[in-house]
Amino acid sequence: MIGTGLFTSAFGAGYWFNIHNFYYFLGMQMIAGLFQSSGWPSVVAVVGNWFGKSKRGLIMGIWNAHTSVGNISGSLIAAAMLKYGWCWSFTIPGIMIALVGLSVFLLLPVSPDVIGIEEDLQDSEKNNMDTPLLERRSDVKEKAVGFFEAWRIPGVAPFALCLFFCKLVAYTFLYWLPFYISHTAIGGQYLSDSSAGVLSTLFDVGGVVGGILAGHISDRLDARALTAASFTFSAIPALFFYRIYGSISLTWNIALMFVTGMLVNGPYALITTAVSADLGTHSSLNGNSRALATVTAIIDGTGSIGAAVGPLMTGYISAKSWSAVFTMLMVSALVAGLLLSRLVMAEISAKMESRSPAHSSDLPVSSSMDEP
């Protein structure tokens, strides 16, 4: 966070130092992105350390609202600073994230054992369990899972590829929605750039609701893949209706944008939080929880490629037709859902087996992403 703040501020410093070299700004953006990308795997690993699977979806759905709040706040702060010079739109957020990074370093307990909670738990377990078992468990936790080993964890590859297309859709809206609104007649009138920017924040507001709803539903059903796939498939008609009917009036535009944001960002939020945490503690790891950050990095990193590809393609396609852009987004949502079809079938089969009379006296069947 401190590195991100430093190089984001350095981008804005180009104004004061009268720098007009394209490669300077490109370099500052790339280095800032390098630092920033290390944040998400770390924070998901930290939150995953503190919460078990039973309520993880809801808790992380609420926690994940910070991404949408950050998007909205960043847009508003940057817009407010423009009147003082564009440099302040980068410098002020840069200073803010650096200060918060310093407070995180000083105050955030990474896991329960840092403040002695896990040690107390283990002390109580020693009265009921053999010491060698505890020692073996400790040895397993000390070895981190490698990059290629993490890819082989069941569910990582399909969810990573699914997130590629989910973030493609989400980030296309994040970057292009204000431009689309300002260049589309809504109720026969064109909105100003500033009004379009404010209106576009409702997409993120819908994303907050979608993230919480997806997390809660996945907890109740104990079916992350089914929930994510349902949201992505539902996003297809939402995208269609927003393109066709969003220009009728401002009320229709707001309502459809909110619903679209909810359905687009719901699975995105679920996969980058609860799903990543579940896969990072998969049963195939035999109790090893040192895969959380690696798995999260793989899933979110793959999604970030989609976040770069979507807005880039939109720049070329929108010059010809916005309808073609929405067709691309709908196809992306369809592919995202289809990539989870195998996991969805596995979850449905597990649910049916657990409810069948032949298994009524057995233990519940574990889902594809159960913890050990």
Protein backbone atom coordinates (compact mmCIF):
# COMPACT_ATOMS: atom_id res chain seq x y z
CA MET A 1 0.00 0.00 0.00
CA ILE A 2 2.86 2.37 0.78
CA GLY A 3 4.54 1.49 -2.53
CA THR A 4 1.26 2.01 -4.39
CA GLY A 5 0.83 5.41 -2.77
CA LEU A 6 4.39 6.44 -3.55
CA PHE A 7 4.24 5.65 -7.26
CA THR A 8 0.67 6.93 -7.67
CA SER A 9 1.85 10.23 -6.21
CA ALA A 10 4.89 10.10 -8.50
CA PHE A 11 2.49 9.92 -11.45
CA GLY A 12 0.88 13.17 -10.31
CA ALA A 13 4.31 14.71 -9.63
CA GLY A 14 4.85 14.78 -13.38
CA TYR A 15 2.67 17.92 -13.37
CA TRP A 16 4.89 19.81 -10.92
CA PHE A 17 8.15 18.74 -12.55
CA ASN A 18 6.78 19.55 -16.01
CA ILE A 19 7.40 16.02 -17.28
CA HIS A 20 5.88 15.23 -20.67
CA ASN A 21 7.58 11.90 -21.37
CA PHE A 22 5.04 9.16 -22.12
CA TYR A 23 7.33 6.42 -20.81
CA TYR A 24 7.65 8.14 -17.43
CA PHE A 25 3.89 7.94 -16.87
CA LEU A 26 3.74 4.41 -18.29
CA GLY A 27 6.51 3.31 -15.93
CA MET A 28 4.88 4.89 -12.88
CA GLN A 29 1.55 3.21 -13.70
CA MET A 30 3.17 -0.18 -14.19
CA ILE A 31 5.16 -0.04 -10.94
CA ALA A 32 2.12 1.22 -9.02
CA GLY A 33 0.10 -1.66 -10.51
CA LEU A 34 2.79 -4.13 -9.47
CA PHE A 35 2.57 -3.00 -5.85
CA GLN A 36 -1.23 -2.76 -5.89
CA SER A 37 -1.71 -6.27 -7.28
CA SER A 38 0.03 -7.75 -4.25
CA GLY A 39 -2.68 -6.42 -1.97
CA TRP A 40 -5.69 -8.58 -2.79
CA PRO A 41 -4.09 -12.02 -2.21
CA SER A 42 -2.81 -10.78 1.14
CA VAL A 43 -6.07 -9.32 2.44
CA VAL A 44 -8.14 -12.36 1.40
CA ALA A 45 -5.62 -14.60 3.17
CA VAL A 46 -5.87 -12.48 6.32
CA VAL A 47 -9.69 -12.46 6.37
CA GLY A 48 -9.70 -16.18 5.52
CA ASN A 49 -7.53 -16.83 8.58
CA TRP A 50 -10.14 -15.29 10.86
CA PHE A 51 -13.40 -16.83 9.59
CA GLY A 52 -14.46 -20.43 8.99
CA LYS A 53 -16.42 -21.66 6.00
CA SER A 54 -19.96 -21.74 7.43
CA LYS A 55 -20.49 -17.93 7.34
CA ARG A 56 -17.54 -17.02 5.13
CA GLY A 57 -19.65 -16.09 2.09
CA LEU A 58 -21.83 -13.58 3.94
CA ILE A 59 -18.98 -12.09 5.98
CA MET A 60 -16.72 -11.71 2.97
CA GLY A 61 -19.62 -10.40 0.89
CA ILE A 62 -20.14 -7.59 3.41
CA TRP A 63 -16.37 -7.05 3.73
CA ASN A 64 -15.96 -6.98 -0.05
CA ALA A 65 -18.25 -3.94 -0.23
CA HIS A 66 -15.09 -1.90 0.35
CA THR A 67 -14.11 -2.43 -3.32
CA SER A 68 -17.23 -0.67 -4.58
CA VAL A 69 -16.99 2.00 -1.88
CA GLY A 70 -13.38 2.54 -2.95
CA ASN A 71 -14.37 2.83 -6.61
CA ILE A 72 -17.03 5.40 -5.77
CA SER A 73 -14.81 7.33 -3.36
CA GLY A 74 -11.87 7.32 -5.76
CA SER A 75 -14.01 8.73 -8.56
CA LEU A 76 -15.50 11.44 -6.35
CA ILE A 77 -12.15 12.43 -4.77
CA ALA A 78 -10.42 12.57 -8.15
CA ALA A 79 -13.25 14.68 -9.59
CA ALA A 80 -13.20 17.04 -6.60
CA MET A 81 -9.43 17.55 -6.86
CA LEU A 82 -9.45 18.38 -10.58
CA LYS A 83 -10.18 22.06 -9.96
CA TYR A 84 -6.84 22.35 -8.14
CA GLY A 85 -4.94 20.59 -10.95
CA TRP A 86 -5.00 17.01 -12.25
CA CYS A 87 -1.87 16.18 -10.20
CA TRP A 88 -3.89 16.30 -6.98
CA SER A 89 -6.27 13.62 -8.33
CA PHE A 90 -3.33 11.22 -8.05
CA THR A 91 -1.40 12.68 -5.13
CA ILE A 92 -4.23 12.85 -2.57
CA PRO A 93 -5.37 9.20 -3.08
CA GLY A 94 -1.69 8.19 -3.09
CA ILE A 95 -1.08 9.85 0.28
CA MET A 96 -4.28 8.32 1.67
CA ILE A 97 -3.42 4.73 0.74
CA ALA A 98 0.15 5.13 2.05
CA LEU A 99 -1.12 6.34 5.44
CA VAL A 100 -3.65 3.51 5.66
CA GLY A 101 -0.88 1.07 4.68
CA LEU A 102 1.22 2.31 7.58
CA SER A 103 -1.69 1.82 10.00
CA VAL A 104 -2.27 -1.71 8.64
CA PHE A 105 1.39 -2.56 9.23
CA LEU A 106 1.23 -1.29 12.81
CA LEU A 107 -2.21 -2.51 13.88
CA LEU A 108 -3.51 -5.47 11.81
CA PRO A 109 -3.23 -8.95 13.43
CA VAL A 110 -2.66 -11.31 10.48
CA SER A 111 -4.17 -14.39 12.13
CA PRO A 112 -5.63 -15.46 15.49
CA ASP A 113 -2.38 -17.06 16.64
CA VAL A 114 -0.66 -13.65 16.48
CA ILE A 115 -2.68 -12.57 19.51
CA GLY A 116 -2.57 -16.00 21.16
CA ILE A 117 -6.04 -17.30 20.26
CA GLU A 118 -4.84 -20.40 18.40
CA GLU A 119 -2.28 -21.17 21.10
CA ASP A 120 -5.05 -21.15 23.72
CA LEU A 121 -7.07 -23.47 21.48
CA GLN A 122 -4.17 -25.86 21.09
CA ASP A 123 -3.57 -25.86 24.86
CA SER A 124 -7.15 -27.01 25.39
CA GLU A 125 -6.80 -29.63 22.65
CA LYS A 126 -3.72 -31.12 24.31
CA ASN A 127 -5.90 -32.36 27.13
CA ASN A 128 -7.98 -34.44 24.67
CA MET A 129 -5.60 -35.27 21.80
CA ASP A 130 -2.16 -36.83 21.39
CA THR A 131 0.75 -34.45 21.04
CA PRO A 132 2.26 -36.18 17.94
CA LEU A 133 -0.92 -35.36 15.97
CA LEU A 134 -0.60 -31.70 16.87
CA GLU A 135 3.03 -31.71 15.89
CA ARG A 136 2.26 -33.24 12.50
CA ARG A 137 -0.45 -30.63 11.93
CA SER A 138 2.02 -27.85 12.75
CA ASP A 139 4.61 -29.28 10.37
CA VAL A 140 2.09 -29.36 7.53
CA LYS A 141 1.13 -25.71 8.07
CA GLU A 142 4.71 -24.53 7.92
CA LYS A 143 5.19 -25.55 4.26
CA ALA A 144 3.70 -23.13 1.73
CA VAL A 145 2.01 -24.51 -1.40
CA GLY A 146 3.83 -23.86 -4.68
CA PHE A 147 2.41 -22.03 -7.70
CA PHE A 148 1.94 -25.08 -9.94
CA GLU A 149 0.71 -27.20 -7.04
CA ALA A 150 -1.95 -24.56 -6.34
CA TRP A 151 -3.15 -24.75 -9.98
CA ARG A 152 -3.79 -28.50 -9.47
CA ILE A 153 -6.18 -27.93 -6.57
CA PRO A 154 -9.65 -29.01 -7.81
CA GLY A 155 -11.69 -25.98 -8.77
CA VAL A 156 -8.88 -23.43 -9.07
CA ALA A 157 -8.56 -23.52 -12.88
CA PRO A 158 -12.31 -23.28 -13.71
CA PHE A 159 -12.91 -20.50 -11.18
CA ALA A 160 -9.82 -18.61 -12.39
CA LEU A 161 -11.01 -18.77 -16.00
CA CYS A 162 -14.55 -17.88 -14.94
CA LEU A 163 -13.22 -14.79 -13.17
CA PHE A 164 -11.37 -13.82 -16.36
CA PHE A 165 -14.71 -13.28 -18.07
CA CYS A 166 -16.47 -11.89 -14.96
CA LYS A 167 -13.85 -9.18 -14.52
CA LEU A 168 -13.86 -8.53 -18.26
CA VAL A 169 -17.53 -7.55 -17.95
CA ALA A 170 -17.19 -5.74 -14.61
CA TYR A 171 -14.18 -3.62 -15.58
CA THR A 172 -15.60 -2.76 -18.98
CA PHE A 173 -18.50 -1.18 -17.11
CA LEU A 174 -16.18 0.44 -14.57
CA TYR A 175 -14.11 2.21 -17.23
CA TRP A 176 -16.60 2.78 -20.03
CA LEU A 177 -19.98 3.27 -18.34
CA PRO A 178 -19.60 7.05 -17.72
CA PHE A 179 -18.59 7.52 -21.38
CA TYR A 180 -21.48 5.35 -22.58
CA ILE A 181 -24.01 7.26 -20.46
CA SER A 182 -22.78 10.67 -21.60
CA HIS A 183 -22.98 9.62 -25.26
CA THR A 184 -26.42 7.98 -25.05
CA ALA A 185 -29.65 9.99 -25.01
CA ILE A 186 -31.60 9.10 -21.86
CA GLY A 187 -35.21 10.18 -22.07
CA GLY A 188 -34.27 12.23 -25.14
CA GLN A 189 -31.54 14.19 -23.33
CA TYR A 190 -27.76 13.85 -23.01
CA LEU A 191 -26.21 14.08 -19.54
CA SER A 192 -23.07 16.09 -18.83
CA ASP A 193 -19.81 14.26 -18.18
CA SER A 194 -19.96 14.99 -14.45
CA SER A 195 -23.60 13.85 -14.17
CA ALA A 196 -22.80 10.68 -16.11
CA GLY A 197 -19.89 9.98 -13.75
CA VAL A 198 -22.11 10.35 -10.68
CA LEU A 199 -24.88 8.24 -12.22
CA SER A 200 -22.44 5.44 -13.09
CA THR A 201 -21.62 4.95 -9.40
CA LEU A 202 -25.01 3.22 -9.03
CA PHE A 203 -23.47 0.26 -10.85
CA ASP A 204 -21.07 -0.10 -7.91
CA VAL A 205 -23.90 0.36 -5.42
CA GLY A 206 -25.64 -2.58 -7.08
CA GLY A 207 -22.34 -4.45 -6.84
CA VAL A 208 -22.32 -4.05 -3.06
CA VAL A 209 -25.78 -5.61 -2.80
CA GLY A 210 -24.84 -8.34 -5.28
CA GLY A 211 -21.70 -9.31 -3.38
CA ILE A 212 -23.54 -9.60 -0.07
CA LEU A 213 -26.46 -11.47 -1.65
CA ALA A 214 -24.22 -13.93 -3.51
CA GLY A 215 -22.23 -14.61 -0.35
CA HIS A 216 -25.35 -15.18 1.76
CA ILE A 217 -27.00 -17.46 -0.81
CA SER A 218 -23.84 -19.52 -1.26
CA ASP A 219 -23.62 -19.98 2.52
CA ARG A 220 -27.22 -21.14 2.77
CA LEU A 221 -26.93 -23.52 -0.17
CA ASP A 222 -23.30 -24.50 0.53
CA ALA A 223 -22.87 -24.26 -3.24
CA ARG A 224 -20.45 -21.59 -4.40
CA ALA A 225 -20.28 -22.70 -8.05
CA LEU A 226 -24.06 -22.95 -8.42
CA THR A 227 -24.51 -19.47 -6.96
CA ALA A 228 -21.82 -17.90 -9.14
CA ALA A 229 -23.13 -19.58 -12.30
CA SER A 230 -26.71 -18.52 -11.54
CA PHE A 231 -25.64 -14.89 -11.20
CA THR A 232 -23.57 -14.90 -14.41
CA PHE A 233 -26.39 -16.47 -16.45
CA SER A 234 -28.87 -13.97 -14.97
CA ALA A 235 -26.55 -11.12 -15.96
CA ILE A 236 -27.10 -11.93 -19.65
CA PRO A 237 -30.74 -10.74 -19.84
CA ALA A 238 -29.88 -7.86 -17.49
CA LEU A 239 -27.23 -6.62 -19.94
CA PHE A 240 -29.67 -7.02 -22.83
CA PHE A 241 -32.45 -5.08 -21.10
CA TYR A 242 -30.07 -2.30 -20.02
CA ARG A 243 -28.91 -1.79 -23.61
CA ILE A 244 -32.47 -1.85 -25.06
CA TYR A 245 -34.51 -0.11 -22.35
CA GLY A 246 -31.91 1.92 -20.41
CA SER A 247 -32.43 4.93 -22.66
CA ILE A 248 -36.21 5.18 -22.14
CA SER A 249 -35.93 7.34 -19.04
CA LEU A 250 -33.59 8.15 -16.17
CA THR A 251 -35.66 5.99 -13.82
CA TRP A 252 -35.38 2.96 -16.09
CA ASN A 253 -31.67 3.57 -16.53
CA ILE A 254 -31.05 3.72 -12.77
CA ALA A 255 -33.12 0.59 -12.04
CA LEU A 256 -31.58 -1.50 -14.81
CA MET A 257 -28.05 -0.29 -14.04
CA PHE A 258 -28.48 -1.24 -10.37
CA VAL A 259 -29.73 -4.74 -11.25
CA THR A 260 -26.96 -5.21 -13.83
CA GLY A 261 -24.32 -4.15 -11.29
CA MET A 262 -25.76 -6.57 -8.75
CA LEU A 263 -25.68 -9.54 -11.14
CA VAL A 264 -22.31 -8.72 -12.73
CA ASN A 265 -20.41 -7.96 -9.51
CA GLY A 266 -22.08 -10.68 -7.41
CA PRO A 267 -20.09 -13.64 -8.79
CA TYR A 268 -16.98 -11.48 -9.16
CA ALA A 269 -17.10 -10.64 -5.45
CA LEU A 270 -17.91 -14.22 -4.46
CA ILE A 271 -15.06 -15.79 -6.46
CA THR A 272 -12.39 -13.34 -5.32
CA THR A 273 -13.31 -13.76 -1.64
CA ALA A 274 -15.14 -16.81 -0.29
CA VAL A 275 -14.32 -19.13 -3.20
CA SER A 276 -10.63 -18.23 -3.07
CA ALA A 277 -10.57 -18.79 0.68
CA ASP A 278 -12.36 -22.15 0.32
CA LEU A 279 -9.97 -23.37 -2.36
CA GLY A 280 -7.01 -22.14 -0.33
CA THR A 281 -8.08 -24.53 2.44
CA HIS A 282 -9.20 -27.39 0.18
CA SER A 283 -9.32 -30.93 1.60
CA SER A 284 -6.64 -32.05 -0.87
CA LEU A 285 -4.15 -29.89 1.06
CA ASN A 286 -4.50 -32.13 4.15
CA GLY A 287 -4.93 -29.27 6.57
CA ASN A 288 -2.33 -26.97 5.02
CA SER A 289 -3.71 -23.43 5.07
CA ARG A 290 -0.59 -21.90 3.53
CA ALA A 291 -2.18 -21.82 0.09
CA LEU A 292 -4.66 -19.00 0.64
CA ALA A 293 -2.59 -16.15 -0.78
CA THR A 294 -1.22 -18.24 -3.67
CA VAL A 295 -4.66 -19.49 -4.75
CA THR A 296 -6.14 -16.00 -4.42
CA ALA A 297 -3.28 -14.56 -6.49
CA ILE A 298 -3.83 -17.14 -9.24
CA ILE A 299 -7.58 -16.57 -9.40
CA ASP A 300 -7.48 -12.77 -9.13
CA GLY A 301 -4.44 -12.51 -11.41
CA THR A 302 -6.20 -14.47 -14.14
CA GLY A 303 -9.23 -12.25 -13.68
CA SER A 304 -7.06 -9.14 -13.96
CA ILE A 305 -6.04 -10.20 -17.47
CA GLY A 306 -9.73 -10.12 -18.37
CA ALA A 307 -10.01 -6.73 -16.67
CA ALA A 308 -7.35 -5.45 -19.07
CA VAL A 309 -8.67 -7.19 -22.19
CA GLY A 310 -12.32 -6.08 -21.83
CA PRO A 311 -11.84 -2.29 -21.74
CA LEU A 312 -9.17 -2.54 -24.46
CA MET A 313 -11.50 -4.43 -26.82
CA THR A 314 -14.33 -2.04 -26.00
CA GLY A 315 -12.24 0.89 -27.23
CA TYR A 316 -12.10 -0.65 -30.70
CA ILE A 317 -15.57 -2.19 -30.83
CA SER A 318 -17.46 0.87 -29.51
CA ALA A 319 -16.16 2.94 -32.42
CA LYS A 320 -18.34 0.78 -34.68
CA SER A 321 -21.29 -0.20 -32.50
CA TRP A 322 -22.27 -0.15 -28.82
CA SER A 323 -24.64 -3.03 -29.51
CA ALA A 324 -21.60 -5.09 -30.50
CA VAL A 325 -19.98 -4.18 -27.16
CA PHE A 326 -23.00 -5.45 -25.23
CA THR A 327 -23.01 -8.61 -27.36
CA MET A 328 -19.38 -9.18 -26.34
CA LEU A 329 -20.31 -8.70 -22.68
CA MET A 330 -23.25 -11.11 -22.90
CA VAL A 331 -21.11 -13.77 -24.59
CA SER A 332 -18.46 -13.30 -21.88
CA ALA A 333 -21.07 -13.80 -19.15
CA LEU A 334 -22.31 -16.95 -20.91
CA VAL A 335 -18.80 -18.40 -21.14
CA ALA A 336 -18.15 -17.54 -17.48
CA GLY A 337 -21.19 -19.56 -16.43
CA LEU A 338 -20.40 -22.50 -18.72
CA LEU A 339 -16.88 -22.79 -17.28
CA LEU A 340 -18.44 -23.68 -13.92
CA SER A 341 -20.87 -26.25 -15.33
CA ARG A 342 -18.81 -29.25 -14.20
CA LEU A 343 -18.53 -27.92 -10.65
CA VAL A 344 -22.23 -27.05 -10.64
CA MET A 345 -23.14 -30.61 -11.61
CA ALA A 346 -20.85 -31.95 -8.88
CA GLU A 347 -22.53 -29.74 -6.27
CA ILE A 348 -26.04 -30.74 -7.43
CA SER A 349 -25.08 -34.44 -7.39
CA ALA A 350 -23.67 -34.09 -3.89
CA LYS A 351 -26.86 -32.42 -2.68
CA MET A 352 -29.06 -35.12 -4.24
CA GLU A 353 -26.95 -37.93 -2.76
CA SER A 354 -26.99 -36.38 0.70
CA ARG A 355 -30.80 -36.19 0.60
CA SER A 356 -31.41 -39.66 -0.81
CA PRO A 357 -32.85 -42.32 1.57
CA ALA A 358 -29.82 -44.56 1.03
CA HIS A 359 -27.60 -41.90 2.55
CA SER A 360 -29.95 -40.61 5.22
CA SER A 361 -28.04 -42.40 7.95
CA ASP A 362 -24.62 -41.48 6.56
CA LEU A 363 -22.57 -38.40 7.14
CA PRO A 364 -23.35 -35.45 4.83
CA VAL A 365 -21.56 -35.58 1.51
CA SER A 366 -18.88 -32.90 1.21
CA SER A 367 -19.11 -30.36 -1.58
CA SER A 368 -16.32 -29.88 -4.08
CA MET A 369 -14.71 -27.14 -2.04
CA ASP A 370 -15.20 -28.35 1.54
CA GLU A 371 -12.53 -27.63 4.09
CA PRO A 372 -10.75 -30.62 5.69
